[in-house]
Every structure is written in structure tokens, then in C-alpha cells.
Amino acid sequence: MLSDVEVICDRVAILAQGKLICEGTLDQLLGAEAQQYQVQGHGGDPQQLAPWLQDFEMQADRWHGQLQGDPQSFVQTLSSMGATLTQMNLMRQSLEDFFIQQLRQRGLYSSR
């Protein structure tokens, strides 16, 4: 249900075994800026795209992957090769992953 909490709430408090372990906005807890972008587009040269994208996949004219490098430079490269960016999404840790990480850091493997 934490995925629902992530969509609905603007502030979150995490309790484990009756104790408050952290609280704040999602940006404070999960980070305001993600380090990675998931990108999709079409066109361009696969050999020029591949170095930019981790988990790069191209089917017909469509491609997607995780951006490695500066987003502005990537967009400029796309423009010079005639490719079109159709989607760029910021990736960050989910609230559920954050919750589990917080428990494990405290030596807890379940919350009652």
C-alpha cells in the first residue's frame, strides 16, 4: 500500500515497532532530484544512442533506456542525429524501497 501512500500523501511518517524512525515530505525522504532518467524516443542512429543509454533497447524505429550522462547534452545529440525524444521521466527510489532500507539500517526485518 506504500505505492498508494506515495501518490496520495505529501508528508509521510514511518513508524517501526512503535517508534518514529523518520518523517518528512517525499522529496525530503526520497530525494528531490533523481540521479537517473528513463527515456524513450524514435529515430536516430543506434550506434550513437547506445553509449548514452543503459539497458538500451531498440525495436524498429523506437528506443528506450536509462540515460547515462548530462540530459542537455543528450538532447543536443538527439537533435544532431535526427532522433526525437518522446518521453523523459525522473527515476527515484520508491517509498516501499526506502521503508525497507530504513528498517534494515536499524537491524529490523519486520515492523509490527
C-alpha atoms as a PDB file:
ATOM      1  CA  MET A   1       0.000   0.000   0.000  1.00  0.00           C
ATOM      2  CA  LEU A   2       3.019   2.287   0.177  1.00  0.00           C
ATOM      3  CA  SER A   3       2.723   2.963  -3.560  1.00  0.00           C
ATOM      4  CA  ASP A   4      -0.746   4.410  -2.842  1.00  0.00           C
ATOM      5  CA  VAL A   5       0.650   6.486   0.031  1.00  0.00           C
ATOM      6  CA  GLU A   6       3.308   7.840  -2.336  1.00  0.00           C
ATOM      7  CA  VAL A   7       0.603   9.073  -4.736  1.00  0.00           C
ATOM      8  CA  ILE A   8      -1.853  10.447  -2.160  1.00  0.00           C
ATOM      9  CA  CYS A   9       0.268  11.967   0.627  1.00  0.00           C
ATOM     10  CA  ASP A  10       2.537  14.979   0.645  1.00  0.00           C
ATOM     11  CA  ARG A  11       4.088  14.206   4.083  1.00  0.00           C
ATOM     12  CA  VAL A  12       4.971  10.784   5.448  1.00  0.00           C
ATOM     13  CA  ALA A  13       5.987   9.424   8.848  1.00  0.00           C
ATOM     14  CA  ILE A  14       7.496   5.961   9.145  1.00  0.00           C
ATOM     15  CA  LEU A  15       6.994   4.002  12.349  1.00  0.00           C
ATOM     16  CA  ALA A  16       8.685   0.725  13.187  1.00  0.00           C
ATOM     17  CA  GLN A  17       7.974  -1.240  16.335  1.00  0.00           C
ATOM     18  CA  GLY A  18       6.131   1.750  17.784  1.00  0.00           C
ATOM     19  CA  LYS A  19       8.955   4.247  17.216  1.00  0.00           C
ATOM     20  CA  LEU A  20       9.147   7.116  14.764  1.00  0.00           C
ATOM     21  CA  ILE A  21      12.163   6.450  12.538  1.00  0.00           C
ATOM     22  CA  CYS A  22      11.737   9.282  10.022  1.00  0.00           C
ATOM     23  CA  GLU A  23       9.264  11.817   8.711  1.00  0.00           C
ATOM     24  CA  GLY A  24       9.084  14.494   6.056  1.00  0.00           C
ATOM     25  CA  THR A  25       7.929  15.241   2.541  1.00  0.00           C
ATOM     26  CA  LEU A  26       8.511  12.664  -0.169  1.00  0.00           C
ATOM     27  CA  ASP A  27      11.179  14.926  -1.669  1.00  0.00           C
ATOM     28  CA  GLN A  28      12.947  15.122   1.705  1.00  0.00           C
ATOM     29  CA  LEU A  29      12.817  11.362   2.240  1.00  0.00           C
ATOM     30  CA  LEU A  30      13.316  10.079  -1.297  1.00  0.00           C
ATOM     31  CA  GLY A  31      15.369  12.936  -2.693  1.00  0.00           C
ATOM     32  CA  ALA A  32      14.129  15.873  -4.735  1.00  0.00           C
ATOM     33  CA  GLU A  33      16.382  15.061  -7.647  1.00  0.00           C
ATOM     34  CA  ALA A  34      16.754  11.629  -9.103  1.00  0.00           C
ATOM     35  CA  GLN A  35      20.102  10.613 -10.469  1.00  0.00           C
ATOM     36  CA  GLN A  36      18.685   8.791 -13.491  1.00  0.00           C
ATOM     37  CA  TYR A  37      16.181   9.397 -16.252  1.00  0.00           C
ATOM     38  CA  GLN A  38      14.184   6.781 -18.147  1.00  0.00           C
ATOM     39  CA  VAL A  39      13.973   7.966 -21.771  1.00  0.00           C
ATOM     40  CA  GLN A  40      12.049   6.924 -24.866  1.00  0.00           C
ATOM     41  CA  GLY A  41      12.124   8.142 -28.417  1.00  0.00           C
ATOM     42  CA  HIS A  42      12.305   7.249 -32.048  1.00  0.00           C
ATOM     43  CA  GLY A  43      14.711   7.650 -34.926  1.00  0.00           C
ATOM     44  CA  GLY A  44      18.426   8.218 -34.771  1.00  0.00           C
ATOM     45  CA  ASP A  45      21.484   6.013 -35.057  1.00  0.00           C
ATOM     46  CA  PRO A  46      21.584   3.022 -32.661  1.00  0.00           C
ATOM     47  CA  GLN A  47      25.405   3.179 -32.522  1.00  0.00           C
ATOM     48  CA  GLN A  48      25.262   6.808 -31.360  1.00  0.00           C
ATOM     49  CA  LEU A  49      22.412   6.141 -28.913  1.00  0.00           C
ATOM     50  CA  ALA A  50      23.901   3.051 -27.233  1.00  0.00           C
ATOM     51  CA  PRO A  51      26.696   4.844 -25.285  1.00  0.00           C
ATOM     52  CA  TRP A  52      24.107   7.184 -23.749  1.00  0.00           C
ATOM     53  CA  LEU A  53      21.633   4.529 -22.605  1.00  0.00           C
ATOM     54  CA  GLN A  54      21.950   1.725 -20.087  1.00  0.00           C
ATOM     55  CA  ASP A  55      19.552  -1.165 -20.797  1.00  0.00           C
ATOM     56  CA  PHE A  56      19.249   0.270 -24.320  1.00  0.00           C
ATOM     57  CA  GLU A  57      16.641  -1.423 -26.490  1.00  0.00           C
ATOM     58  CA  MET A  58      15.562  -0.521 -29.997  1.00  0.00           C
ATOM     59  CA  GLN A  59      12.664  -2.099 -31.866  1.00  0.00           C
ATOM     60  CA  ALA A  60      12.058  -0.903 -35.389  1.00  0.00           C
ATOM     61  CA  ASP A  61      12.354   2.888 -35.064  1.00  0.00           C
ATOM     62  CA  ARG A  62      11.524   3.102 -31.312  1.00  0.00           C
ATOM     63  CA  TRP A  63      14.089   3.024 -28.486  1.00  0.00           C
ATOM     64  CA  HIS A  64      14.250   3.315 -24.697  1.00  0.00           C
ATOM     65  CA  GLY A  65      16.719   3.025 -21.818  1.00  0.00           C
ATOM     66  CA  GLN A  66      18.205   4.685 -18.750  1.00  0.00           C
ATOM     67  CA  LEU A  67      20.079   7.874 -19.551  1.00  0.00           C
ATOM     68  CA  GLN A  68      23.761   7.924 -18.607  1.00  0.00           C
ATOM     69  CA  GLY A  69      25.152  11.433 -18.720  1.00  0.00           C
ATOM     70  CA  ASP A  70      24.006  15.023 -18.942  1.00  0.00           C
ATOM     71  CA  PRO A  71      20.381  15.373 -20.116  1.00  0.00           C
ATOM     72  CA  GLN A  72      21.035  18.616 -22.038  1.00  0.00           C
ATOM     73  CA  SER A  73      23.949  17.113 -23.951  1.00  0.00           C
ATOM     74  CA  PHE A  74      21.835  14.051 -24.707  1.00  0.00           C
ATOM     75  CA  VAL A  75      19.018  16.176 -26.144  1.00  0.00           C
ATOM     76  CA  GLN A  76      21.516  18.086 -28.301  1.00  0.00           C
ATOM     77  CA  THR A  77      22.959  14.789 -29.557  1.00  0.00           C
ATOM     78  CA  LEU A  78      19.460  13.566 -30.425  1.00  0.00           C
ATOM     79  CA  SER A  79      18.811  16.722 -32.404  1.00  0.00           C
ATOM     80  CA  SER A  80      22.035  16.378 -34.392  1.00  0.00           C
ATOM     81  CA  MET A  81      21.222  12.756 -35.370  1.00  0.00           C
ATOM     82  CA  GLY A  82      17.583  13.438 -36.263  1.00  0.00           C
ATOM     83  CA  ALA A  83      16.134  11.491 -33.321  1.00  0.00           C
ATOM     84  CA  THR A  84      13.073  12.578 -31.353  1.00  0.00           C
ATOM     85  CA  LEU A  85      12.707  12.317 -27.587  1.00  0.00           C
ATOM     86  CA  THR A  86       9.118  11.342 -26.742  1.00  0.00           C
ATOM     87  CA  GLN A  87       9.407  10.771 -23.003  1.00  0.00           C
ATOM     88  CA  MET A  88      11.874  11.557 -20.199  1.00  0.00           C
ATOM     89  CA  ASN A  89      10.946  10.521 -16.646  1.00  0.00           C
ATOM     90  CA  LEU A  90      12.886  11.145 -13.469  1.00  0.00           C
ATOM     91  CA  MET A  91      13.588   7.948 -11.579  1.00  0.00           C
ATOM     92  CA  ARG A  92      13.893   7.778  -7.836  1.00  0.00           C
ATOM     93  CA  GLN A  93      13.652   5.185  -5.097  1.00  0.00           C
ATOM     94  CA  SER A  94      10.113   4.093  -4.240  1.00  0.00           C
ATOM     95  CA  LEU A  95       8.671   4.726  -0.776  1.00  0.00           C
ATOM     96  CA  GLU A  96       8.490   0.964  -0.247  1.00  0.00           C
ATOM     97  CA  ASP A  97      12.209   0.529  -1.053  1.00  0.00           C
ATOM     98  CA  PHE A  98      13.014   3.473   1.247  1.00  0.00           C
ATOM     99  CA  PHE A  99      10.946   1.926   4.061  1.00  0.00           C
ATOM    100  CA  ILE A 100      12.738  -1.422   3.768  1.00  0.00           C
ATOM    101  CA  GLN A 101      16.111   0.322   3.635  1.00  0.00           C
ATOM    102  CA  GLN A 102      15.283   2.283   6.820  1.00  0.00           C
ATOM    103  CA  LEU A 103      14.284  -0.902   8.645  1.00  0.00           C
ATOM    104  CA  ARG A 104      17.425  -2.770   7.582  1.00  0.00           C
ATOM    105  CA  GLN A 105      19.684   0.121   8.609  1.00  0.00           C
ATOM    106  CA  ARG A 106      18.252  -0.304  12.099  1.00  0.00           C
ATOM    107  CA  GLY A 107      18.622  -4.080  12.102  1.00  0.00           C
ATOM    108  CA  LEU A 108      14.873  -4.640  11.743  1.00  0.00           C
ATOM    109  CA  TYR A 109      13.437  -7.122   9.299  1.00  0.00           C
ATOM    110  CA  SER A 110       9.756  -6.613  10.076  1.00  0.00           C
ATOM    111  CA  SER A 111       7.586  -3.878  11.502  1.00  0.00           C
ATOM    112  CA  ARG A 112       4.739  -4.608  13.914  1.00  0.00           C
END
